[in-house]
PDB file of N, CA and C in Angstrom:
ATOM      1  N   MET A   1       0.849  -1.169   0.000  1.00  0.00           N
ATOM      2  CA  MET A   1       0.000   0.000   0.000  1.00  0.00           C
ATOM      3  C   MET A   1       0.897   1.235   0.000  1.00  0.00           C
ATOM      4  N   SER A   2       0.582   2.201  -0.803  1.00  0.00           N
ATOM      5  CA  SER A   2       1.415   3.390  -0.913  1.00  0.00           C
ATOM      6  C   SER A   2       0.996   4.440   0.099  1.00  0.00           C
ATOM      7  N   LEU A   3       1.830   5.446   0.251  1.00  0.00           N
ATOM      8  CA  LEU A   3       1.532   6.514   1.195  1.00  0.00           C
ATOM      9  C   LEU A   3       0.324   7.334   0.765  1.00  0.00           C
ATOM     10  N   THR A   4       0.098   7.454  -0.526  1.00  0.00           N
ATOM     11  CA  THR A   4      -1.056   8.244  -0.977  1.00  0.00           C
ATOM     12  C   THR A   4      -2.370   7.577  -0.623  1.00  0.00           C
ATOM     13  N   GLU A   5      -2.363   6.252  -0.514  1.00  0.00           N
ATOM     14  CA  GLU A   5      -3.595   5.556  -0.144  1.00  0.00           C
ATOM     15  C   GLU A   5      -3.955   5.807   1.316  1.00  0.00           C
ATOM     16  N   LEU A   6      -2.943   6.053   2.159  1.00  0.00           N
ATOM     17  CA  LEU A   6      -3.192   6.289   3.579  1.00  0.00           C
ATOM     18  C   LEU A   6      -3.185   7.767   3.926  1.00  0.00           C
ATOM     19  N   SER A   7      -3.114   8.640   2.960  1.00  0.00           N
ATOM     20  CA  SER A   7      -3.080  10.066   3.235  1.00  0.00           C
ATOM     21  C   SER A   7      -4.410  10.525   3.822  1.00  0.00           C
ATOM     22  N   PRO A   8      -4.426  11.655   4.539  1.00  0.00           N
ATOM     23  CA  PRO A   8      -5.660  12.126   5.166  1.00  0.00           C
ATOM     24  C   PRO A   8      -6.794  12.381   4.168  1.00  0.00           C
ATOM     25  N   GLN A   9      -6.477  12.691   2.912  1.00  0.00           N
ATOM     26  CA  GLN A   9      -7.534  12.935   1.940  1.00  0.00           C
ATOM     27  C   GLN A   9      -8.288  11.646   1.609  1.00  0.00           C
ATOM     28  N   ASN A  10      -7.621  10.502   1.699  1.00  0.00           N
ATOM     29  CA  ASN A  10      -8.242   9.235   1.356  1.00  0.00           C
ATOM     30  C   ASN A  10      -8.750   8.481   2.576  1.00  0.00           C
ATOM     31  N   THR A  11      -8.735   9.097   3.745  1.00  0.00           N
ATOM     32  CA  THR A  11      -9.123   8.414   4.974  1.00  0.00           C
ATOM     33  C   THR A  11     -10.227   9.209   5.656  1.00  0.00           C
ATOM     34  N   ASP A  12     -11.280   8.509   6.075  1.00  0.00           N
ATOM     35  CA  ASP A  12     -12.326   9.203   6.828  1.00  0.00           C
ATOM     36  C   ASP A  12     -12.001   9.145   8.314  1.00  0.00           C
ATOM     37  N   ARG A  13     -12.884   9.695   9.153  1.00  0.00           N
ATOM     38  CA  ARG A  13     -12.590   9.784  10.589  1.00  0.00           C
ATOM     39  C   ARG A  13     -12.526   8.423  11.269  1.00  0.00           C
ATOM     40  N   SER A  14     -13.142   7.421  10.763  1.00  0.00           N
ATOM     41  CA  SER A  14     -13.124   6.107  11.401  1.00  0.00           C
ATOM     42  C   SER A  14     -11.837   5.347  11.121  1.00  0.00           C
ATOM     43  N   GLY A  15     -10.983   5.865  10.205  1.00  0.00           N
ATOM     44  CA  GLY A  15      -9.730   5.206   9.897  1.00  0.00           C
ATOM     45  C   GLY A  15      -9.815   4.331   8.669  1.00  0.00           C
ATOM     46  N   GLU A  16     -10.993   4.271   8.043  1.00  0.00           N
ATOM     47  CA  GLU A  16     -11.135   3.469   6.843  1.00  0.00           C
ATOM     48  C   GLU A  16     -10.648   4.253   5.639  1.00  0.00           C
ATOM     49  N   THR A  17      -9.997   3.551   4.723  1.00  0.00           N
ATOM     50  CA  THR A  17      -9.522   4.201   3.515  1.00  0.00           C
ATOM     51  C   THR A  17     -10.650   4.276   2.501  1.00  0.00           C
ATOM     52  N   ALA A  18     -10.386   4.993   1.419  1.00  0.00           N
ATOM     53  CA  ALA A  18     -11.409   5.179   0.401  1.00  0.00           C
ATOM     54  C   ALA A  18     -11.841   3.853  -0.199  1.00  0.00           C
ATOM     55  N   GLY A  19     -10.979   2.866  -0.178  1.00  0.00           N
ATOM     56  CA  GLY A  19     -11.318   1.561  -0.730  1.00  0.00           C
ATOM     57  C   GLY A  19     -12.141   0.717   0.223  1.00  0.00           C
ATOM     58  N   GLY A  20     -12.405   1.184   1.433  1.00  0.00           N
ATOM     59  CA  GLY A  20     -13.197   0.433   2.398  1.00  0.00           C
ATOM     60  C   GLY A  20     -12.365  -0.461   3.301  1.00  0.00           C
ATOM     61  N   GLU A  21     -11.062  -0.491   3.126  1.00  0.00           N
ATOM     62  CA  GLU A  21     -10.229  -1.333   3.975  1.00  0.00           C
ATOM     63  C   GLU A  21      -9.964  -0.625   5.300  1.00  0.00           C
ATOM     64  N   ASN A  22      -9.985  -1.363   6.384  1.00  0.00           N
ATOM     65  CA  ASN A  22      -9.708  -0.785   7.701  1.00  0.00           C
ATOM     66  C   ASN A  22      -8.269  -1.110   8.066  1.00  0.00           C
ATOM     67  N   LYS A  23      -7.394  -0.136   7.957  1.00  0.00           N
ATOM     68  CA  LYS A  23      -5.980  -0.314   8.265  1.00  0.00           C
ATOM     69  C   LYS A  23      -5.665   0.364   9.596  1.00  0.00           C
ATOM     70  N   PRO A  24      -4.770  -0.213  10.396  1.00  0.00           N
ATOM     71  CA  PRO A  24      -4.387   0.459  11.648  1.00  0.00           C
ATOM     72  C   PRO A  24      -3.655   1.758  11.343  1.00  0.00           C
ATOM     73  N   LYS A  25      -3.947   2.768  12.143  1.00  0.00           N
ATOM     74  CA  LYS A  25      -3.327   4.074  11.963  1.00  0.00           C
ATOM     75  C   LYS A  25      -2.229   4.251  12.993  1.00  0.00           C
ATOM     76  N   ASP A  26      -1.021   3.883  12.649  1.00  0.00           N
ATOM     77  CA  ASP A  26       0.115   4.077  13.540  1.00  0.00           C
ATOM     78  C   ASP A  26       0.957   5.193  12.957  1.00  0.00           C
ATOM     79  N   ARG A  27       0.787   6.390  13.506  1.00  0.00           N
ATOM     80  CA  ARG A  27       1.478   7.555  12.966  1.00  0.00           C
ATOM     81  C   ARG A  27       2.685   7.948  13.803  1.00  0.00           C
ATOM     82  N   ARG A  28       3.100   7.076  14.705  1.00  0.00           N
ATOM     83  CA  ARG A  28       4.243   7.403  15.550  1.00  0.00           C
ATOM     84  C   ARG A  28       5.533   7.273  14.764  1.00  0.00           C
ATOM     85  N   ARG A  29       6.540   8.006  15.195  1.00  0.00           N
ATOM     86  CA  ARG A  29       7.833   7.950  14.529  1.00  0.00           C
ATOM     87  C   ARG A  29       8.502   6.614  14.822  1.00  0.00           C
ATOM     88  N   PRO A  30       9.352   6.141  13.919  1.00  0.00           N
ATOM     89  CA  PRO A  30      10.054   4.869  14.149  1.00  0.00           C
ATOM     90  C   PRO A  30      10.989   4.988  15.354  1.00  0.00           C
ATOM     91  N   GLY A  31      11.044   3.935  16.144  1.00  0.00           N
ATOM     92  CA  GLY A  31      11.929   3.907  17.295  1.00  0.00           C
ATOM     93  C   GLY A  31      11.324   4.497  18.556  1.00  0.00           C
ATOM     94  N   ARG A  32      10.073   4.962  18.475  1.00  0.00           N
ATOM     95  CA  ARG A  32       9.440   5.530  19.664  1.00  0.00           C
ATOM     96  C   ARG A  32       9.088   4.416  20.636  1.00  0.00           C
ATOM     97  N   PRO A  33       9.263   4.638  21.944  1.00  0.00           N
ATOM     98  CA  PRO A  33       8.917   3.600  22.920  1.00  0.00           C
ATOM     99  C   PRO A  33       7.417   3.287  22.880  1.00  0.00           C
ATOM    100  N   GLU A  34       7.078   2.056  23.156  1.00  0.00           N
ATOM    101  CA  GLU A  34       5.679   1.643  23.118  1.00  0.00           C
ATOM    102  C   GLU A  34       4.868   2.247  24.265  1.00  0.00           C
ATOM    103  N   THR A  35       5.502   2.457  25.405  1.00  0.00           N
ATOM    104  CA  THR A  35       4.773   2.978  26.558  1.00  0.00           C
ATOM    105  C   THR A  35       5.280   4.363  26.924  1.00  0.00           C
ATOM    106  N   VAL A  36       4.431   5.112  27.574  1.00  0.00           N
ATOM    107  CA  VAL A  36       4.777   6.447  28.045  1.00  0.00           C
ATOM    108  C   VAL A  36       4.608   6.444  29.557  1.00  0.00           C
ATOM    109  N   SER A  37       5.470   7.149  30.245  1.00  0.00           N
ATOM    110  CA  SER A  37       5.397   7.215  31.702  1.00  0.00           C
ATOM    111  C   SER A  37       4.043   7.754  32.139  1.00  0.00           C
ATOM    112  N   SER A  38       3.448   7.120  33.126  1.00  0.00           N
ATOM    113  CA  SER A  38       2.139   7.559  33.605  1.00  0.00           C
ATOM    114  C   SER A  38       2.205   8.945  34.243  1.00  0.00           C
ATOM    115  N   ALA A  39       3.372   9.369  34.683  1.00  0.00           N
ATOM    116  CA  ALA A  39       3.514  10.712  35.246  1.00  0.00           C
ATOM    117  C   ALA A  39       3.465  11.776  34.157  1.00  0.00           C
ATOM    118  N   LEU A  40       3.823  11.403  32.917  1.00  0.00           N
ATOM    119  CA  LEU A  40       3.830  12.368  31.827  1.00  0.00           C
ATOM    120  C   LEU A  40       2.480  12.521  31.144  1.00  0.00           C
ATOM    121  N   LEU A  41       1.598  11.552  31.292  1.00  0.00           N
ATOM    122  CA  LEU A  41       0.321  11.612  30.579  1.00  0.00           C
ATOM    123  C   LEU A  41      -0.480  12.871  30.878  1.00  0.00           C
ATOM    124  N   PRO A  42      -0.647  13.275  32.144  1.00  0.00           N
ATOM    125  CA  PRO A  42      -1.394  14.525  32.375  1.00  0.00           C
ATOM    126  C   PRO A  42      -0.723  15.733  31.734  1.00  0.00           C
ATOM    127  N   LEU A  43       0.601  15.768  31.728  1.00  0.00           N
ATOM    128  CA  LEU A  43       1.290  16.895  31.107  1.00  0.00           C
ATOM    129  C   LEU A  43       1.082  16.905  29.598  1.00  0.00           C
ATOM    130  N   LEU A  44       1.158  15.728  28.985  1.00  0.00           N
ATOM    131  CA  LEU A  44       0.972  15.642  27.541  1.00  0.00           C
ATOM    132  C   LEU A  44      -0.453  15.983  27.126  1.00  0.00           C
ATOM    133  N   ARG A  45      -1.406  15.715  27.997  1.00  0.00           N
ATOM    134  CA  ARG A  45      -2.802  16.002  27.691  1.00  0.00           C
ATOM    135  C   ARG A  45      -3.210  17.410  28.115  1.00  0.00           C
ATOM    136  N   GLY A  46      -2.284  18.156  28.698  1.00  0.00           N
ATOM    137  CA  GLY A  46      -2.573  19.533  29.083  1.00  0.00           C
ATOM    138  C   GLY A  46      -3.277  19.669  30.412  1.00  0.00           C
ATOM    139  N   GLN A  47      -3.291  18.630  31.227  1.00  0.00           N
ATOM    140  CA  GLN A  47      -3.944  18.673  32.530  1.00  0.00           C
ATOM    141  C   GLN A  47      -2.884  18.911  33.599  1.00  0.00           C
ATOM    142  N   VAL A  48      -2.552  20.157  33.824  1.00  0.00           N
ATOM    143  CA  VAL A  48      -1.491  20.499  34.766  1.00  0.00           C
ATOM    144  C   VAL A  48      -2.124  20.834  36.111  1.00  0.00           C
ATOM    145  N   GLU A  49      -1.566  20.234  37.164  1.00  0.00           N
ATOM    146  CA  GLU A  49      -2.057  20.503  38.513  1.00  0.00           C
ATOM    147  C   GLU A  49      -1.379  21.746  39.073  1.00  0.00           C
ATOM    148  N   GLU A  50      -2.035  22.366  40.020  1.00  0.00           N
ATOM    149  CA  GLU A  50      -1.432  23.506  40.715  1.00  0.00           C
ATOM    150  C   GLU A  50      -0.329  22.985  41.626  1.00  0.00           C
ATOM    151  N   PRO A  51       0.792  23.676  41.714  1.00  0.00           N
ATOM    152  CA  PRO A  51       1.848  23.228  42.618  1.00  0.00           C
ATOM    153  C   PRO A  51       1.385  23.339  44.070  1.00  0.00           C
ATOM    154  N   PRO A  52       1.914  22.487  44.944  1.00  0.00           N
ATOM    155  CA  PRO A  52       1.500  22.548  46.342  1.00  0.00           C
ATOM    156  C   PRO A  52       1.919  23.874  46.982  1.00  0.00           C
ATOM    157  N   GLN A  53       1.115  24.332  47.902  1.00  0.00           N
ATOM    158  CA  GLN A  53       1.406  25.584  48.594  1.00  0.00           C
ATOM    159  C   GLN A  53       2.573  25.372  49.553  1.00  0.00           C
ATOM    160  N   THR A  54       3.486  26.301  49.561  1.00  0.00           N
ATOM    161  CA  THR A  54       4.628  26.228  50.469  1.00  0.00           C
ATOM    162  C   THR A  54       4.526  27.365  51.477  1.00  0.00           C
ATOM    163  N   GLU A  55       5.269  27.199  52.540  1.00  0.00           N
ATOM    164  CA  GLU A  55       5.269  28.245  53.558  1.00  0.00           C
ATOM    165  C   GLU A  55       6.046  29.452  53.049  1.00  0.00           C
ATOM    166  N   PRO A  56       5.621  30.633  53.421  1.00  0.00           N
ATOM    167  CA  PRO A  56       6.376  31.816  52.971  1.00  0.00           C
ATOM    168  C   PRO A  56       7.760  31.841  53.616  1.00  0.00           C
ATOM    169  N   LEU A  57       8.692  32.448  52.927  1.00  0.00           N
ATOM    170  CA  LEU A  57      10.049  32.561  53.454  1.00  0.00           C
ATOM    171  C   LEU A  57      10.065  33.478  54.668  1.00  0.00           C
ATOM    172  N   PRO A  58      10.909  33.165  55.635  1.00  0.00           N
ATOM    173  CA  PRO A  58      10.968  34.044  56.807  1.00  0.00           C
ATOM    174  C   PRO A  58      11.535  35.408  56.415  1.00  0.00           C
ATOM    175  N   ASP A  59      11.160  36.401  57.178  1.00  0.00           N
ATOM    176  CA  ASP A  59      11.665  37.740  56.917  1.00  0.00           C
ATOM    177  C   ASP A  59      13.171  37.774  57.179  1.00  0.00           C
ATOM    178  N   VAL A  60      13.892  38.354  56.255  1.00  0.00           N
ATOM    179  CA  VAL A  60      15.344  38.446  56.357  1.00  0.00           C
ATOM    180  C   VAL A  60      15.716  39.919  56.424  1.00  0.00           C
ATOM    181  N   ASP A  61      16.609  40.225  57.339  1.00  0.00           N
ATOM    182  CA  ASP A  61      17.064  41.604  57.474  1.00  0.00           C
ATOM    183  C   ASP A  61      17.956  41.951  56.279  1.00  0.00           C
ATOM    184  N   PRO A  62      17.612  42.971  55.498  1.00  0.00           N
ATOM    185  CA  PRO A  62      18.436  43.303  54.330  1.00  0.00           C
ATOM    186  C   PRO A  62      19.818  43.815  54.707  1.00  0.00           C
ATOM    187  N   ASP A  63      20.018  44.251  55.950  1.00  0.00           N
ATOM    188  CA  ASP A  63      21.316  44.744  56.384  1.00  0.00           C
ATOM    189  C   ASP A  63      22.150  43.657  57.046  1.00  0.00           C
ATOM    190  N   ASP A  64      21.745  42.396  56.919  1.00  0.00           N
ATOM    191  CA  ASP A  64      22.491  41.291  57.519  1.00  0.00           C
ATOM    192  C   ASP A  64      23.787  41.101  56.731  1.00  0.00           C
ATOM    193  N   SER A  65      24.920  41.236  57.392  1.00  0.00           N
ATOM    194  CA  SER A  65      26.207  41.203  56.700  1.00  0.00           C
ATOM    195  C   SER A  65      26.966  39.897  56.919  1.00  0.00           C
ATOM    196  N   ARG A  66      26.283  38.845  57.366  1.00  0.00           N
ATOM    197  CA  ARG A  66      26.983  37.579  57.593  1.00  0.00           C
ATOM    198  C   ARG A  66      27.531  36.995  56.294  1.00  0.00           C
ATOM    199  N   ALA A  67      26.759  37.088  55.219  1.00  0.00           N
ATOM    200  CA  ALA A  67      27.237  36.547  53.945  1.00  0.00           C
ATOM    201  C   ALA A  67      28.453  37.323  53.460  1.00  0.00           C
ATOM    202  N   LEU A  68      28.408  38.631  53.605  1.00  0.00           N
ATOM    203  CA  LEU A  68      29.541  39.458  53.179  1.00  0.00           C
ATOM    204  C   LEU A  68      30.795  39.132  53.987  1.00  0.00           C
ATOM    205  N   LYS A  69      30.624  38.886  55.259  1.00  0.00           N
ATOM    206  CA  LYS A  69      31.777  38.520  56.093  1.00  0.00           C
ATOM    207  C   LYS A  69      32.374  37.189  55.637  1.00  0.00           C
ATOM    208  N   GLY A  70      31.526  36.217  55.312  1.00  0.00           N
ATOM    209  CA  GLY A  70      32.014  34.914  54.851  1.00  0.00           C
ATOM    210  C   GLY A  70      32.761  35.013  53.533  1.00  0.00           C
ATOM    211  N   ILE A  71      32.232  35.806  52.621  1.00  0.00           N
ATOM    212  CA  ILE A  71      32.903  35.988  51.333  1.00  0.00           C
ATOM    213  C   ILE A  71      34.244  36.686  51.517  1.00  0.00           C
ATOM    214  N   THR A  72      34.275  37.688  52.388  1.00  0.00           N
ATOM    215  CA  THR A  72      35.518  38.426  52.631  1.00  0.00           C
ATOM    216  C   THR A  72      36.587  37.511  53.226  1.00  0.00           C
ATOM    217  N   VAL A  73      36.230  36.702  54.192  1.00  0.00           N
ATOM    218  CA  VAL A  73      37.190  35.761  54.797  1.00  0.00           C
ATOM    219  C   VAL A  73      37.692  34.783  53.741  1.00  0.00           C
ATOM    220  N   GLY A  74      36.804  34.281  52.883  1.00  0.00           N
ATOM    221  CA  GLY A  74      37.209  33.348  51.832  1.00  0.00           C
ATOM    222  C   GLY A  74      38.176  33.974  50.849  1.00  0.00           C
ATOM    223  N   VAL A  75      37.949  35.216  50.471  1.00  0.00           N
ATOM    224  CA  VAL A  75      38.841  35.904  49.531  1.00  0.00           C
ATOM    225  C   VAL A  75      40.212  36.124  50.159  1.00  0.00           C
ATOM    226  N   ILE A  76      40.233  36.528  51.423  1.00  0.00           N
ATOM    227  CA  ILE A  76      41.516  36.766  52.107  1.00  0.00           C
ATOM    228  C   ILE A  76      42.316  35.470  52.226  1.00  0.00           C
ATOM    229  N   ILE A  77      41.663  34.392  52.620  1.00  0.00           N
ATOM    230  CA  ILE A  77      42.365  33.107  52.768  1.00  0.00           C
ATOM    231  C   ILE A  77      42.871  32.611  51.413  1.00  0.00           C
ATOM    232  N   SER A  78      42.017  32.694  50.366  1.00  0.00           N
ATOM    233  CA  SER A  78      42.446  32.182  49.062  1.00  0.00           C
ATOM    234  C   SER A  78      43.560  33.048  48.462  1.00  0.00           C
ATOM    235  N   THR A  79      43.520  34.359  48.689  1.00  0.00           N
ATOM    236  CA  THR A  79      44.592  35.230  48.193  1.00  0.00           C
ATOM    237  C   THR A  79      45.920  34.886  48.860  1.00  0.00           C
ATOM    238  N   GLY A  80      45.889  34.682  50.164  1.00  0.00           N
ATOM    239  CA  GLY A  80      47.102  34.291  50.880  1.00  0.00           C
ATOM    240  C   GLY A  80      47.631  32.946  50.422  1.00  0.00           C
ATOM    241  N   LEU A  81      46.725  32.010  50.174  1.00  0.00           N
ATOM    242  CA  LEU A  81      47.148  30.684  49.728  1.00  0.00           C
ATOM    243  C   LEU A  81      47.780  30.752  48.341  1.00  0.00           C
ATOM    244  N   TRP A  82      47.172  31.511  47.417  1.00  0.00           N
ATOM    245  CA  TRP A  82      47.746  31.636  46.079  1.00  0.00           C
ATOM    246  C   TRP A  82      49.077  32.390  46.113  1.00  0.00           C
ATOM    247  N   ALA A  83      49.211  33.356  47.001  1.00  0.00           N
ATOM    248  CA  ALA A  83      50.493  34.060  47.134  1.00  0.00           C
ATOM    249  C   ALA A  83      51.570  33.098  47.639  1.00  0.00           C
ATOM    250  N   LEU A  84      51.212  32.251  48.566  1.00  0.00           N
ATOM    251  CA  LEU A  84      52.155  31.257  49.075  1.00  0.00           C
ATOM    252  C   LEU A  84      52.555  30.278  47.970  1.00  0.00           C
ATOM    253  N   ILE A  85      51.609  29.802  47.208  1.00  0.00           N
ATOM    254  CA  ILE A  85      51.909  28.871  46.108  1.00  0.00           C
ATOM    255  C   ILE A  85      52.805  29.559  45.076  1.00  0.00           C
ATOM    256  N   GLY A  86      52.480  30.804  44.731  1.00  0.00           N
ATOM    257  CA  GLY A  86      53.301  31.548  43.770  1.00  0.00           C
ATOM    258  C   GLY A  86      54.704  31.777  44.290  1.00  0.00           C
ATOM    259  N   GLY A  87      54.842  32.096  45.570  1.00  0.00           N
ATOM    260  CA  GLY A  87      56.163  32.314  46.161  1.00  0.00           C
ATOM    261  C   GLY A  87      57.002  31.053  46.159  1.00  0.00           C
ATOM    262  N   VAL A  88      56.400  29.930  46.493  1.00  0.00           N
ATOM    263  CA  VAL A  88      57.131  28.655  46.488  1.00  0.00           C
ATOM    264  C   VAL A  88      57.536  28.297  45.063  1.00  0.00           C
ATOM    265  N   ALA A  89      56.665  28.495  44.100  1.00  0.00           N
ATOM    266  CA  ALA A  89      57.007  28.193  42.703  1.00  0.00           C
ATOM    267  C   ALA A  89      58.130  29.109  42.217  1.00  0.00           C
ATOM    268  N   TRP A  90      58.052  30.397  42.544  1.00  0.00           N
ATOM    269  CA  TRP A  90      59.096  31.348  42.142  1.00  0.00           C
ATOM    270  C   TRP A  90      60.436  30.962  42.765  1.00  0.00           C
ATOM    271  N   LEU A  91      60.409  30.618  44.067  1.00  0.00           N
ATOM    272  CA  LEU A  91      61.630  30.215  44.766  1.00  0.00           C
ATOM    273  C   LEU A  91      62.211  28.946  44.167  1.00  0.00           C
ATOM    274  N   ALA A  92      61.346  27.988  43.812  1.00  0.00           N
ATOM    275  CA  ALA A  92      61.836  26.733  43.225  1.00  0.00           C
ATOM    276  C   ALA A  92      62.475  26.990  41.872  1.00  0.00           C
ATOM    277  N   LEU A  93      61.942  27.903  41.103  1.00  0.00           N
ATOM    278  CA  LEU A  93      62.524  28.212  39.792  1.00  0.00           C
ATOM    279  C   LEU A  93      63.822  29.002  39.939  1.00  0.00           C
ATOM    280  N   ARG A  94      63.912  29.866  40.921  1.00  0.00           N
ATOM    281  CA  ARG A  94      65.130  30.673  41.115  1.00  0.00           C
ATOM    282  C   ARG A  94      66.295  29.823  41.629  1.00  0.00           C
ATOM    283  N   LEU A  95      66.026  28.824  42.468  1.00  0.00           N
ATOM    284  CA  LEU A  95      67.079  27.997  43.041  1.00  0.00           C
ATOM    285  C   LEU A  95      67.506  26.875  42.092  1.00  0.00           C
ATOM    286  N   ARG A  96      66.917  26.754  41.025  1.00  0.00           N
ATOM    287  CA  ARG A  96      67.220  25.702  40.062  1.00  0.00           C
ATOM    288  C   ARG A  96      68.494  25.861  39.416  1.00  0.00           C
TER     289      ARG A  96
END
């Protein structure tokens, strides 16, 4: 059977072709899995649920500087460590 025989122009809504033969209508792409996850079916059908309600975030003081202090300490420690590594590498190359 050719593709023109199964084209939408030659097929009515019941799936029968113009010649009266009832052929299965498998329009899926080759290699597609036979089953679909049951969790995806509502999404594919457009039935999206509302997300569950969560508790509001606690009030945070905008002037809280704890994060800034942590970042500053990290930068100071990493700068000192890289300076030490650079100094040892420079010394090793000079004494060579």
